[in-house]
C-alpha atoms as a PDB file:
ATOM      1  CA  UNK A   1       0.000   0.000   0.000  1.00  0.00           C
ATOM      2  CA  UNK A   2       1.174   3.490  -0.788  1.00  0.00           C
ATOM      3  CA  UNK A   3       1.551   6.375   1.665  1.00  0.00           C
ATOM      4  CA  UNK A   4       1.034  10.040   0.819  1.00  0.00           C
ATOM      5  CA  UNK A   5       3.981  12.362   0.345  1.00  0.00           C
ATOM      6  CA  UNK A   6       4.732  14.617   3.295  1.00  0.00           C
ATOM      7  CA  UNK A   7       4.114  17.764   1.263  1.00  0.00           C
ATOM      8  CA  UNK A   8       0.536  16.983   0.240  1.00  0.00           C
ATOM      9  CA  UNK A   9      -2.705  16.436   2.181  1.00  0.00           C
ATOM     10  CA  UNK A  10      -4.124  13.024   2.970  1.00  0.00           C
ATOM     11  CA  UNK A  11      -6.780  12.259   0.350  1.00  0.00           C
ATOM     12  CA  UNK A  12      -9.979  10.887   1.906  1.00  0.00           C
ATOM     13  CA  UNK A  13     -13.016   9.045   0.590  1.00  0.00           C
ATOM     14  CA  UNK A  14     -15.986   9.024   2.995  1.00  0.00           C
ATOM     15  CA  UNK A  15     -18.427   6.102   2.901  1.00  0.00           C
ATOM     16  CA  UNK A  16     -21.552   6.332   5.085  1.00  0.00           C
ATOM     17  CA  UNK A  17     -25.129   5.586   4.087  1.00  0.00           C
ATOM     18  CA  UNK A  18     -26.651   8.299   6.313  1.00  0.00           C
ATOM     19  CA  UNK A  19     -26.788  11.522   4.335  1.00  0.00           C
ATOM     20  CA  UNK A  20     -26.873  13.791   7.392  1.00  0.00           C
ATOM     21  CA  UNK A  21     -23.972  11.979   9.066  1.00  0.00           C
ATOM     22  CA  UNK A  22     -21.989  12.083   5.842  1.00  0.00           C
ATOM     23  CA  UNK A  23     -22.617  15.813   5.460  1.00  0.00           C
ATOM     24  CA  UNK A  24     -21.440  16.404   9.022  1.00  0.00           C
ATOM     25  CA  UNK A  25     -18.276  14.413   8.401  1.00  0.00           C
ATOM     26  CA  UNK A  26     -17.542  16.317   5.215  1.00  0.00           C
ATOM     27  CA  UNK A  27     -17.965  19.644   6.987  1.00  0.00           C
ATOM     28  CA  UNK A  28     -15.737  18.475   9.832  1.00  0.00           C
ATOM     29  CA  UNK A  29     -13.011  17.142   7.541  1.00  0.00           C
ATOM     30  CA  UNK A  30     -13.100  20.311   5.465  1.00  0.00           C
ATOM     31  CA  UNK A  31     -11.807  22.152   8.544  1.00  0.00           C
ATOM     32  CA  UNK A  32      -9.041  19.649   9.260  1.00  0.00           C
ATOM     33  CA  UNK A  33      -5.443  20.564   8.426  1.00  0.00           C
ATOM     34  CA  UNK A  34      -3.678  18.303   5.943  1.00  0.00           C
ATOM     35  CA  UNK A  35      -6.829  16.439   4.882  1.00  0.00           C
ATOM     36  CA  UNK A  36      -8.601  16.643   1.525  1.00  0.00           C
ATOM     37  CA  UNK A  37     -11.909  14.899   0.779  1.00  0.00           C
ATOM     38  CA  UNK A  38     -11.882  13.539  -2.777  1.00  0.00           C
ATOM     39  CA  UNK A  39     -15.264  11.784  -2.743  1.00  0.00           C
ATOM     40  CA  UNK A  40     -18.279  10.598  -0.790  1.00  0.00           C
ATOM     41  CA  UNK A  41     -20.238   7.366  -1.118  1.00  0.00           C
ATOM     42  CA  UNK A  42     -23.497   6.106   0.316  1.00  0.00           C
ATOM     43  CA  UNK A  43     -23.041   2.426  -0.599  1.00  0.00           C
ATOM     44  CA  UNK A  44     -20.224  -0.084  -0.700  1.00  0.00           C
ATOM     45  CA  UNK A  45     -20.515  -0.407  -4.452  1.00  0.00           C
ATOM     46  CA  UNK A  46     -20.245   3.344  -4.870  1.00  0.00           C
ATOM     47  CA  UNK A  47     -17.202   3.426  -2.597  1.00  0.00           C
ATOM     48  CA  UNK A  48     -15.454   0.796  -4.719  1.00  0.00           C
ATOM     49  CA  UNK A  49     -16.121   2.744  -7.906  1.00  0.00           C
ATOM     50  CA  UNK A  50     -14.954   6.056  -6.437  1.00  0.00           C
ATOM     51  CA  UNK A  51     -11.870   4.487  -4.891  1.00  0.00           C
ATOM     52  CA  UNK A  52     -10.883   3.100  -8.276  1.00  0.00           C
ATOM     53  CA  UNK A  53     -11.405   6.534  -9.822  1.00  0.00           C
ATOM     54  CA  UNK A  54      -9.732   8.763  -7.209  1.00  0.00           C
ATOM     55  CA  UNK A  55      -7.195   6.454  -5.498  1.00  0.00           C
ATOM     56  CA  UNK A  56      -7.657   7.929  -1.988  1.00  0.00           C
ATOM     57  CA  UNK A  57      -5.033   7.438   0.693  1.00  0.00           C
ATOM     58  CA  UNK A  58      -7.699   6.541   3.261  1.00  0.00           C
ATOM     59  CA  UNK A  59     -11.292   5.369   2.981  1.00  0.00           C
ATOM     60  CA  UNK A  60     -13.368   6.329   6.022  1.00  0.00           C
ATOM     61  CA  UNK A  61     -15.757   3.383   6.229  1.00  0.00           C
ATOM     62  CA  UNK A  62     -18.996   2.803   8.118  1.00  0.00           C
ATOM     63  CA  UNK A  63     -19.922  -0.850   8.715  1.00  0.00           C
ATOM     64  CA  UNK A  64     -23.670  -0.818   8.129  1.00  0.00           C
ATOM     65  CA  UNK A  65     -24.490   0.487   4.655  1.00  0.00           C
ATOM     66  CA  UNK A  66     -28.109  -0.496   4.099  1.00  0.00           C
ATOM     67  CA  UNK A  67     -28.737  -2.304   0.820  1.00  0.00           C
ATOM     68  CA  UNK A  68     -25.889  -3.911  -1.074  1.00  0.00           C
ATOM     69  CA  UNK A  69     -22.562  -5.035   0.343  1.00  0.00           C
ATOM     70  CA  UNK A  70     -21.716  -3.982   3.887  1.00  0.00           C
ATOM     71  CA  UNK A  71     -18.672  -2.121   5.141  1.00  0.00           C
ATOM     72  CA  UNK A  72     -16.762  -5.297   5.949  1.00  0.00           C
ATOM     73  CA  UNK A  73     -17.102  -6.723   2.440  1.00  0.00           C
ATOM     74  CA  UNK A  74     -16.304  -3.323   0.952  1.00  0.00           C
ATOM     75  CA  UNK A  75     -13.187  -3.181   3.114  1.00  0.00           C
ATOM     76  CA  UNK A  76     -12.115  -6.632   1.976  1.00  0.00           C
ATOM     77  CA  UNK A  77     -12.481  -5.709  -1.675  1.00  0.00           C
ATOM     78  CA  UNK A  78     -10.706  -2.384  -1.254  1.00  0.00           C
ATOM     79  CA  UNK A  79      -7.739  -3.840   0.596  1.00  0.00           C
ATOM     80  CA  UNK A  80      -7.353  -6.750  -1.830  1.00  0.00           C
ATOM     81  CA  UNK A  81      -6.275  -4.368  -4.599  1.00  0.00           C
ATOM     82  CA  UNK A  82      -2.476  -3.905  -4.774  1.00  0.00           C
ATOM     83  CA  UNK A  83      -1.496  -0.303  -4.082  1.00  0.00           C
ATOM     84  CA  UNK A  84      -4.959   0.612  -2.767  1.00  0.00           C
ATOM     85  CA  UNK A  85      -5.402   3.033   0.109  1.00  0.00           C
ATOM     86  CA  UNK A  86      -6.005   2.096   3.727  1.00  0.00           C
ATOM     87  CA  UNK A  87      -9.428   1.658   5.318  1.00  0.00           C
ATOM     88  CA  UNK A  88     -10.264   3.351   8.612  1.00  0.00           C
ATOM     89  CA  UNK A  89     -13.540   2.101  10.068  1.00  0.00           C
ATOM     90  CA  UNK A  90     -15.669   4.833  11.646  1.00  0.00           C
ATOM     91  CA  UNK A  91     -18.810   3.383  13.164  1.00  0.00           C
ATOM     92  CA  UNK A  92     -21.122   3.217  16.169  1.00  0.00           C
ATOM     93  CA  UNK A  93     -20.809  -0.577  16.376  1.00  0.00           C
ATOM     94  CA  UNK A  94     -18.276  -2.010  18.810  1.00  0.00           C
ATOM     95  CA  UNK A  95     -19.258  -5.653  19.295  1.00  0.00           C
ATOM     96  CA  UNK A  96     -16.539  -8.291  19.261  1.00  0.00           C
ATOM     97  CA  UNK A  97     -17.919  -9.700  16.019  1.00  0.00           C
ATOM     98  CA  UNK A  98     -17.923  -6.333  14.228  1.00  0.00           C
ATOM     99  CA  UNK A  99     -14.381  -5.551  15.334  1.00  0.00           C
ATOM    100  CA  UNK A 100     -13.055  -8.990  14.417  1.00  0.00           C
ATOM    101  CA  UNK A 101     -14.700  -9.028  10.997  1.00  0.00           C
ATOM    102  CA  UNK A 102     -13.433  -5.549  10.118  1.00  0.00           C
ATOM    103  CA  UNK A 103      -9.856  -6.254  11.186  1.00  0.00           C
ATOM    104  CA  UNK A 104      -9.804  -9.630   9.449  1.00  0.00           C
ATOM    105  CA  UNK A 105     -11.101  -7.905   6.296  1.00  0.00           C
ATOM    106  CA  UNK A 106      -8.038  -5.656   6.301  1.00  0.00           C
ATOM    107  CA  UNK A 107      -9.079  -2.462   8.103  1.00  0.00           C
ATOM    108  CA  UNK A 108      -6.067  -0.456   9.273  1.00  0.00           C
ATOM    109  CA  UNK A 109      -7.944   1.188  12.149  1.00  0.00           C
ATOM    110  CA  UNK A 110     -11.266   1.046  13.991  1.00  0.00           C
ATOM    111  CA  UNK A 111     -12.719   4.236  15.444  1.00  0.00           C
ATOM    112  CA  UNK A 112     -16.050   4.933  17.122  1.00  0.00           C
ATOM    113  CA  UNK A 113     -18.106   7.944  16.078  1.00  0.00           C
ATOM    114  CA  UNK A 114     -18.107   9.186  19.672  1.00  0.00           C
ATOM    115  CA  UNK A 115     -14.423  10.101  19.399  1.00  0.00           C
ATOM    116  CA  UNK A 116     -13.367  13.762  19.446  1.00  0.00           C
ATOM    117  CA  UNK A 117     -12.573  15.414  16.093  1.00  0.00           C
ATOM    118  CA  UNK A 118      -8.894  15.678  17.021  1.00  0.00           C
ATOM    119  CA  UNK A 119      -8.747  11.924  17.559  1.00  0.00           C
ATOM    120  CA  UNK A 120     -10.373  11.333  14.181  1.00  0.00           C
ATOM    121  CA  UNK A 121      -7.908  13.618  12.402  1.00  0.00           C
ATOM    122  CA  UNK A 122      -4.956  11.927  14.092  1.00  0.00           C
ATOM    123  CA  UNK A 123      -6.326   8.486  13.186  1.00  0.00           C
ATOM    124  CA  UNK A 124      -6.686   9.511   9.536  1.00  0.00           C
ATOM    125  CA  UNK A 125      -3.073  10.655   9.360  1.00  0.00           C
ATOM    126  CA  UNK A 126      -1.972   7.465  11.115  1.00  0.00           C
ATOM    127  CA  UNK A 127      -3.995   5.296   8.722  1.00  0.00           C
ATOM    128  CA  UNK A 128      -2.477   7.068   5.736  1.00  0.00           C
ATOM    129  CA  UNK A 129       0.929   5.896   6.999  1.00  0.00           C
ATOM    130  CA  UNK A 130      -0.360   2.365   7.569  1.00  0.00           C
ATOM    131  CA  UNK A 131      -0.346   2.703  11.347  1.00  0.00           C
ATOM    132  CA  UNK A 132      -3.157   1.176  13.384  1.00  0.00           C
ATOM    133  CA  UNK A 133      -5.447   3.299  15.543  1.00  0.00           C
ATOM    134  CA  UNK A 134      -8.163   1.814  17.752  1.00  0.00           C
ATOM    135  CA  UNK A 135     -10.669   3.629  19.948  1.00  0.00           C
ATOM    136  CA  UNK A 136      -9.931   2.814  23.624  1.00  0.00           C
ATOM    137  CA  UNK A 137     -13.066   0.631  24.046  1.00  0.00           C
ATOM    138  CA  UNK A 138     -12.167  -1.260  20.869  1.00  0.00           C
ATOM    139  CA  UNK A 139      -8.558  -1.744  21.969  1.00  0.00           C
ATOM    140  CA  UNK A 140      -9.793  -3.094  25.312  1.00  0.00           C
ATOM    141  CA  UNK A 141     -12.019  -5.635  23.565  1.00  0.00           C
ATOM    142  CA  UNK A 142      -9.222  -6.735  21.259  1.00  0.00           C
ATOM    143  CA  UNK A 143      -6.818  -7.222  24.171  1.00  0.00           C
ATOM    144  CA  UNK A 144      -9.418  -9.094  26.205  1.00  0.00           C
ATOM    145  CA  UNK A 145     -10.054 -11.483  23.320  1.00  0.00           C
ATOM    146  CA  UNK A 146      -6.333 -12.059  22.833  1.00  0.00           C
ATOM    147  CA  UNK A 147      -5.915 -12.898  26.506  1.00  0.00           C
ATOM    148  CA  UNK A 148      -8.962 -15.148  26.608  1.00  0.00           C
ATOM    149  CA  UNK A 149      -9.763 -16.683  23.189  1.00  0.00           C
ATOM    150  CA  UNK A 150     -13.383 -17.695  22.718  1.00  0.00           C
ATOM    151  CA  UNK A 151     -14.117 -21.433  22.782  1.00  0.00           C
ATOM    152  CA  UNK A 152     -14.720 -23.265  19.527  1.00  0.00           C
ATOM    153  CA  UNK A 153     -18.165 -24.413  18.460  1.00  0.00           C
ATOM    154  CA  UNK A 154     -19.175 -27.999  19.208  1.00  0.00           C
ATOM    155  CA  UNK A 155     -20.287 -30.338  16.422  1.00  0.00           C
ATOM    156  CA  UNK A 156     -23.913 -29.825  17.439  1.00  0.00           C
ATOM    157  CA  UNK A 157     -23.527 -26.040  17.419  1.00  0.00           C
ATOM    158  CA  UNK A 158     -21.919 -26.164  13.983  1.00  0.00           C
ATOM    159  CA  UNK A 159     -24.826 -28.267  12.769  1.00  0.00           C
ATOM    160  CA  UNK A 160     -27.336 -25.731  14.048  1.00  0.00           C
ATOM    161  CA  UNK A 161     -25.288 -22.900  12.561  1.00  0.00           C
ATOM    162  CA  UNK A 162     -25.390 -24.614   9.175  1.00  0.00           C
ATOM    163  CA  UNK A 163     -29.181 -24.778   9.410  1.00  0.00           C
ATOM    164  CA  UNK A 164     -29.264 -21.079  10.327  1.00  0.00           C
ATOM    165  CA  UNK A 165     -27.264 -20.320   7.206  1.00  0.00           C
ATOM    166  CA  UNK A 166     -29.994 -21.980   5.161  1.00  0.00           C
ATOM    167  CA  UNK A 167     -32.588 -19.685   6.717  1.00  0.00           C
ATOM    168  CA  UNK A 168     -34.359 -22.258   8.873  1.00  0.00           C
ATOM    169  CA  UNK A 169     -36.322 -21.196  11.957  1.00  0.00           C
ATOM    170  CA  UNK A 170     -36.099 -22.867  15.362  1.00  0.00           C
ATOM    171  CA  UNK A 171     -38.942 -25.303  14.686  1.00  0.00           C
ATOM    172  CA  UNK A 172     -37.503 -26.441  11.348  1.00  0.00           C
ATOM    173  CA  UNK A 173     -34.017 -26.790  12.846  1.00  0.00           C
ATOM    174  CA  UNK A 174     -35.442 -28.925  15.658  1.00  0.00           C
ATOM    175  CA  UNK A 175     -37.183 -31.197  13.140  1.00  0.00           C
ATOM    176  CA  UNK A 176     -34.126 -31.461  10.902  1.00  0.00           C
ATOM    177  CA  UNK A 177     -31.820 -32.410  13.780  1.00  0.00           C
ATOM    178  CA  UNK A 178     -34.380 -34.447  15.769  1.00  0.00           C
ATOM    179  CA  UNK A 179     -34.089 -32.293  18.873  1.00  0.00           C
ATOM    180  CA  UNK A 180     -36.525 -30.082  20.787  1.00  0.00           C
ATOM    181  CA  UNK A 181     -37.038 -26.373  20.133  1.00  0.00           C
ATOM    182  CA  UNK A 182     -35.885 -25.689  23.701  1.00  0.00           C
ATOM    183  CA  UNK A 183     -32.597 -27.439  22.926  1.00  0.00           C
ATOM    184  CA  UNK A 184     -32.218 -25.374  19.766  1.00  0.00           C
ATOM    185  CA  UNK A 185     -32.722 -22.166  21.766  1.00  0.00           C
ATOM    186  CA  UNK A 186     -30.126 -23.261  24.327  1.00  0.00           C
ATOM    187  CA  UNK A 187     -27.566 -23.963  21.617  1.00  0.00           C
ATOM    188  CA  UNK A 188     -28.343 -20.675  19.870  1.00  0.00           C
ATOM    189  CA  UNK A 189     -27.547 -18.792  23.047  1.00  0.00           C
ATOM    190  CA  UNK A 190     -24.145 -20.492  23.199  1.00  0.00           C
ATOM    191  CA  UNK A 191     -23.541 -19.898  19.489  1.00  0.00           C
ATOM    192  CA  UNK A 192     -24.227 -16.173  19.915  1.00  0.00           C
ATOM    193  CA  UNK A 193     -22.014 -15.881  22.993  1.00  0.00           C
ATOM    194  CA  UNK A 194     -18.916 -17.518  21.550  1.00  0.00           C
ATOM    195  CA  UNK A 195     -18.268 -15.032  18.704  1.00  0.00           C
ATOM    196  CA  UNK A 196     -19.886 -12.157  20.622  1.00  0.00           C
ATOM    197  CA  UNK A 197     -22.946 -11.599  18.426  1.00  0.00           C
ATOM    198  CA  UNK A 198     -26.602 -11.132  19.268  1.00  0.00           C
ATOM    199  CA  UNK A 199     -28.448 -11.967  16.046  1.00  0.00           C
ATOM    200  CA  UNK A 200     -28.793 -14.899  13.638  1.00  0.00           C
ATOM    201  CA  UNK A 201     -27.413 -12.810  10.804  1.00  0.00           C
ATOM    202  CA  UNK A 202     -24.395 -11.878  12.902  1.00  0.00           C
ATOM    203  CA  UNK A 203     -23.686 -15.500  13.782  1.00  0.00           C
ATOM    204  CA  UNK A 204     -23.894 -16.587  10.156  1.00  0.00           C
ATOM    205  CA  UNK A 205     -21.721 -13.663   8.998  1.00  0.00           C
ATOM    206  CA  UNK A 206     -18.973 -14.493  11.499  1.00  0.00           C
ATOM    207  CA  UNK A 207     -19.180 -18.195  10.612  1.00  0.00           C
ATOM    208  CA  UNK A 208     -18.669 -17.376   6.953  1.00  0.00           C
ATOM    209  CA  UNK A 209     -15.774 -15.028   7.752  1.00  0.00           C
ATOM    210  CA  UNK A 210     -14.045 -17.759   9.757  1.00  0.00           C
ATOM    211  CA  UNK A 211     -14.929 -20.489   7.254  1.00  0.00           C
ATOM    212  CA  UNK A 212     -16.932 -22.469   9.808  1.00  0.00           C
ATOM    213  CA  UNK A 213     -19.584 -23.351   7.260  1.00  0.00           C
ATOM    214  CA  UNK A 214     -19.215 -25.923   4.471  1.00  0.00           C
END
């Protein structure tokens, strides 16, 4: 990945599906020293097209982008291109699953939208140089997970997860695996806890990221 020359501003592409939030970010970045916004996108697909056109140093990426590909998949595609810029996640989501997926996809940094403007500006400059910046709560989660890795899924939990990936509800999963719905619910609770998610979609997304599904 390339880094910007010291004598020119860091070129930024902003990707956020909320128009008002995006406008606020653009206004904020316009006041920042050494930062130049070269484009704005409301979808992952739009971000990919604009990144190819403008070659930004840093893409400021939200995780949830409404319809189309999400911020994690957009990050993966952006960072898979040789010589592409760095991705700095800027989001309100700080679950273990979100953080893990974004970092595994290639994000250089992970910042929460509650951070002060000065912290955002510093993180952008750091990302442009390929240096990692994490919001304190995110860094704490990452360190906690490194110190205490989450347990692996059991064979039964993997079987239930595979059924989830096919869109089956609790009753259908129970019938397919010849177990009770109560047992399915118990296993689902454990499946959610292990990767740190709280929805079926989140569990399936993490399973796909970690290649836990056939």
